[in-house]
């Protein structure tokens, strides 16, 4: 996998984490996994940039986060580790 692809997956994962933590109250990975129907380990891999997520799973995450799917594709507002 090319470095630019890895960077895109990492940015997407950072955005998922950011939106998950912005919820009121913030959602744990476990809670988001439960609500979205995705495995917690799969969600963790997404947030670390280790998974290339399918379109249907983007929609599942968006529904669980109560946002439009396109919001998941916006760049994170903070860099990882901030």
N, C-alpha and C. Protein backbone atom coordinates (compact mmCIF):
# COMPACT_ATOMS: atom_id res chain seq x y z
N UNK A 1 0.84 -1.17 0.00
CA UNK A 1 0.00 0.00 0.00
C UNK A 1 0.89 1.24 0.00
N UNK A 2 0.52 2.20 -0.81
CA UNK A 2 1.29 3.44 -0.91
C UNK A 2 1.13 4.29 0.34
N UNK A 3 2.15 5.10 0.61
CA UNK A 3 2.11 5.98 1.77
C UNK A 3 0.92 6.93 1.73
N UNK A 4 0.56 7.42 0.53
CA UNK A 4 -0.58 8.34 0.43
C UNK A 4 -1.89 7.63 0.78
N UNK A 5 -1.99 6.35 0.44
CA UNK A 5 -3.18 5.58 0.81
C UNK A 5 -3.23 5.37 2.32
N UNK A 6 -2.08 5.07 2.92
CA UNK A 6 -2.02 4.89 4.37
C UNK A 6 -2.42 6.18 5.08
N UNK A 7 -1.97 7.31 4.56
CA UNK A 7 -2.31 8.61 5.16
C UNK A 7 -3.81 8.87 5.08
N UNK A 8 -4.43 8.48 3.98
CA UNK A 8 -5.88 8.67 3.83
C UNK A 8 -6.65 7.80 4.82
N UNK A 9 -6.22 6.56 4.99
CA UNK A 9 -6.88 5.67 5.95
C UNK A 9 -6.71 6.19 7.37
N UNK A 10 -5.52 6.71 7.68
CA UNK A 10 -5.27 7.26 9.01
C UNK A 10 -6.13 8.50 9.25
N UNK A 11 -6.24 9.37 8.26
CA UNK A 11 -7.07 10.57 8.39
C UNK A 11 -8.54 10.19 8.60
N UNK A 12 -9.01 9.19 7.87
CA UNK A 12 -10.39 8.74 8.04
C UNK A 12 -10.59 8.20 9.46
N UNK A 13 -9.66 7.40 9.92
CA UNK A 13 -9.75 6.86 11.28
C UNK A 13 -9.74 7.94 12.33
N UNK A 14 -8.89 8.95 12.12
CA UNK A 14 -8.85 10.08 13.05
C UNK A 14 -10.19 10.81 13.07
N UNK A 15 -10.82 10.93 11.91
CA UNK A 15 -12.12 11.60 11.82
C UNK A 15 -13.20 10.80 12.55
N UNK A 16 -13.19 9.49 12.38
CA UNK A 16 -14.16 8.65 13.09
C UNK A 16 -13.99 8.83 14.60
N UNK A 17 -12.76 8.77 15.08
CA UNK A 17 -12.49 8.94 16.51
C UNK A 17 -12.95 10.31 16.98
N UNK A 18 -12.63 11.34 16.22
CA UNK A 18 -13.01 12.70 16.57
C UNK A 18 -14.53 12.83 16.71
N UNK A 19 -15.27 12.33 15.73
CA UNK A 19 -16.73 12.43 15.77
C UNK A 19 -17.32 11.58 16.90
N UNK A 20 -16.72 10.44 17.15
CA UNK A 20 -17.19 9.57 18.24
C UNK A 20 -17.04 10.28 19.58
N UNK A 21 -15.92 10.96 19.77
CA UNK A 21 -15.66 11.64 21.03
C UNK A 21 -16.41 12.97 21.17
N UNK A 22 -16.90 13.51 20.05
CA UNK A 22 -17.68 14.75 20.09
C UNK A 22 -19.14 14.51 20.46
N UNK A 23 -19.56 13.27 20.46
CA UNK A 23 -20.95 12.95 20.82
C UNK A 23 -21.19 13.35 22.28
N UNK A 24 -22.45 13.63 22.61
CA UNK A 24 -22.80 13.97 23.99
C UNK A 24 -23.74 12.90 24.51
N UNK A 25 -23.29 12.07 25.44
CA UNK A 25 -21.92 11.97 25.93
C UNK A 25 -21.03 11.28 24.89
N UNK A 26 -19.71 11.44 25.03
CA UNK A 26 -18.81 10.78 24.09
C UNK A 26 -19.04 9.26 24.10
N UNK A 27 -18.93 8.67 22.92
CA UNK A 27 -19.12 7.22 22.81
C UNK A 27 -17.79 6.50 22.92
N UNK A 28 -17.79 5.39 23.61
CA UNK A 28 -16.62 4.51 23.61
C UNK A 28 -16.62 3.74 22.29
N UNK A 29 -15.48 3.16 21.95
CA UNK A 29 -15.44 2.30 20.77
C UNK A 29 -16.44 1.17 20.91
N UNK A 30 -16.53 0.62 22.10
CA UNK A 30 -17.45 -0.50 22.34
C UNK A 30 -18.90 -0.09 22.09
N UNK A 31 -19.29 1.09 22.58
CA UNK A 31 -20.67 1.55 22.39
C UNK A 31 -20.96 1.84 20.92
N UNK A 32 -20.01 2.50 20.23
CA UNK A 32 -20.21 2.77 18.81
C UNK A 32 -20.30 1.46 18.02
N UNK A 33 -19.48 0.51 18.38
CA UNK A 33 -19.53 -0.80 17.72
C UNK A 33 -20.90 -1.45 17.92
N UNK A 34 -21.41 -1.39 19.13
CA UNK A 34 -22.71 -1.98 19.44
C UNK A 34 -23.82 -1.30 18.65
N UNK A 35 -23.83 0.02 18.63
CA UNK A 35 -24.89 0.77 17.95
C UNK A 35 -24.81 0.59 16.44
N UNK A 36 -23.59 0.52 15.90
CA UNK A 36 -23.41 0.42 14.45
C UNK A 36 -23.50 -1.01 13.93
N UNK A 37 -23.37 -1.98 14.81
CA UNK A 37 -23.37 -3.38 14.39
C UNK A 37 -22.03 -3.86 13.87
N UNK A 38 -20.98 -3.08 14.11
CA UNK A 38 -19.63 -3.46 13.70
C UNK A 38 -18.87 -4.02 14.90
N UNK A 39 -17.90 -4.86 14.65
CA UNK A 39 -17.08 -5.41 15.74
C UNK A 39 -16.19 -4.31 16.31
N UNK A 40 -15.98 -4.33 17.63
CA UNK A 40 -15.13 -3.33 18.27
C UNK A 40 -13.70 -3.39 17.73
N UNK A 41 -13.20 -4.58 17.50
CA UNK A 41 -11.84 -4.72 16.97
C UNK A 41 -11.73 -4.12 15.56
N UNK A 42 -12.78 -4.29 14.76
CA UNK A 42 -12.82 -3.71 13.41
C UNK A 42 -12.82 -2.19 13.51
N UNK A 43 -13.63 -1.65 14.42
CA UNK A 43 -13.68 -0.20 14.62
C UNK A 43 -12.33 0.33 15.09
N UNK A 44 -11.67 -0.39 15.98
CA UNK A 44 -10.34 0.01 16.44
C UNK A 44 -9.34 0.04 15.29
N UNK A 45 -9.41 -0.96 14.42
CA UNK A 45 -8.53 -0.99 13.25
C UNK A 45 -8.81 0.19 12.32
N UNK A 46 -10.08 0.55 12.17
CA UNK A 46 -10.43 1.71 11.34
C UNK A 46 -9.81 2.97 11.94
N UNK A 47 -9.99 3.16 13.24
CA UNK A 47 -9.48 4.37 13.90
C UNK A 47 -7.96 4.45 13.85
N UNK A 48 -7.28 3.32 13.80
CA UNK A 48 -5.82 3.32 13.70
C UNK A 48 -5.33 3.43 12.25
N UNK A 49 -6.27 3.42 11.31
CA UNK A 49 -5.90 3.50 9.90
C UNK A 49 -5.43 2.19 9.32
N UNK A 50 -5.82 1.08 9.94
CA UNK A 50 -5.39 -0.24 9.49
C UNK A 50 -6.41 -0.96 8.63
N UNK A 51 -7.57 -0.34 8.39
CA UNK A 51 -8.63 -0.98 7.61
C UNK A 51 -9.13 -0.04 6.53
N UNK A 52 -9.41 -0.61 5.37
CA UNK A 52 -10.06 0.11 4.29
C UNK A 52 -11.54 -0.22 4.39
N UNK A 53 -12.32 0.72 4.88
CA UNK A 53 -13.72 0.49 5.22
C UNK A 53 -14.61 0.45 3.98
N UNK A 54 -15.62 -0.39 4.01
CA UNK A 54 -16.59 -0.50 2.92
C UNK A 54 -17.64 0.60 3.02
N UNK A 55 -18.21 0.96 1.89
CA UNK A 55 -19.24 2.00 1.83
C UNK A 55 -20.40 1.70 2.78
N UNK A 56 -20.86 0.47 2.81
CA UNK A 56 -21.98 0.13 3.70
C UNK A 56 -21.62 0.37 5.16
N UNK A 57 -20.38 0.11 5.52
CA UNK A 57 -19.96 0.34 6.90
C UNK A 57 -19.81 1.83 7.20
N UNK A 58 -19.47 2.63 6.20
CA UNK A 58 -19.47 4.09 6.39
C UNK A 58 -20.88 4.54 6.72
N UNK A 59 -21.85 4.02 6.01
CA UNK A 59 -23.25 4.38 6.29
C UNK A 59 -23.68 3.91 7.67
N UNK A 60 -23.25 2.73 8.09
CA UNK A 60 -23.60 2.24 9.43
C UNK A 60 -23.01 3.14 10.51
N UNK A 61 -21.75 3.55 10.33
CA UNK A 61 -21.14 4.45 11.30
C UNK A 61 -21.86 5.80 11.33
N UNK A 62 -22.18 6.33 10.16
CA UNK A 62 -22.86 7.61 10.08
C UNK A 62 -24.21 7.55 10.80
N UNK A 63 -24.96 6.49 10.58
CA UNK A 63 -26.25 6.33 11.26
C UNK A 63 -26.06 6.28 12.77
N UNK A 64 -25.06 5.54 13.22
CA UNK A 64 -24.80 5.42 14.66
C UNK A 64 -24.38 6.75 15.27
N UNK A 65 -23.64 7.56 14.49
CA UNK A 65 -23.18 8.87 14.96
C UNK A 65 -24.21 9.97 14.70
N UNK A 66 -25.31 9.61 14.02
CA UNK A 66 -26.39 10.56 13.70
C UNK A 66 -25.89 11.74 12.86
N UNK A 67 -25.13 11.38 11.83
CA UNK A 67 -24.59 12.38 10.91
C UNK A 67 -24.77 11.89 9.48
N UNK A 68 -24.58 12.78 8.52
CA UNK A 68 -24.57 12.39 7.12
C UNK A 68 -23.25 11.67 6.82
N UNK A 69 -23.27 10.63 5.99
CA UNK A 69 -22.03 9.90 5.68
C UNK A 69 -20.90 10.80 5.17
N UNK A 70 -21.23 11.84 4.43
CA UNK A 70 -20.20 12.74 3.88
C UNK A 70 -19.36 13.38 4.98
N UNK A 71 -19.92 13.58 6.16
CA UNK A 71 -19.16 14.19 7.25
C UNK A 71 -17.98 13.33 7.68
N UNK A 72 -18.10 12.02 7.48
CA UNK A 72 -16.99 11.13 7.83
C UNK A 72 -15.80 11.32 6.88
N UNK A 73 -16.06 11.85 5.71
CA UNK A 73 -15.00 12.03 4.72
C UNK A 73 -14.32 13.39 4.82
N UNK A 74 -14.80 14.25 5.70
CA UNK A 74 -14.14 15.54 5.92
C UNK A 74 -12.85 15.28 6.68
N UNK A 75 -11.83 16.13 6.46
CA UNK A 75 -10.59 15.94 7.21
C UNK A 75 -10.82 16.15 8.71
N UNK A 76 -10.06 15.45 9.54
CA UNK A 76 -10.19 15.69 10.98
C UNK A 76 -9.77 17.12 11.29
N UNK A 77 -10.38 17.71 12.33
CA UNK A 77 -10.03 19.08 12.68
C UNK A 77 -8.76 19.14 13.52
N UNK A 78 -8.39 18.02 14.12
CA UNK A 78 -7.15 17.95 14.89
C UNK A 78 -6.31 16.81 14.35
N UNK A 79 -5.01 16.99 14.39
CA UNK A 79 -4.12 15.92 13.97
C UNK A 79 -4.06 14.86 15.06
N UNK A 80 -3.79 13.64 14.66
CA UNK A 80 -3.69 12.54 15.61
C UNK A 80 -2.67 12.86 16.69
N UNK A 81 -3.05 12.58 17.94
CA UNK A 81 -2.14 12.80 19.05
C UNK A 81 -2.27 14.15 19.70
N UNK A 82 -3.10 15.04 19.16
CA UNK A 82 -3.26 16.37 19.77
C UNK A 82 -4.25 16.32 20.89
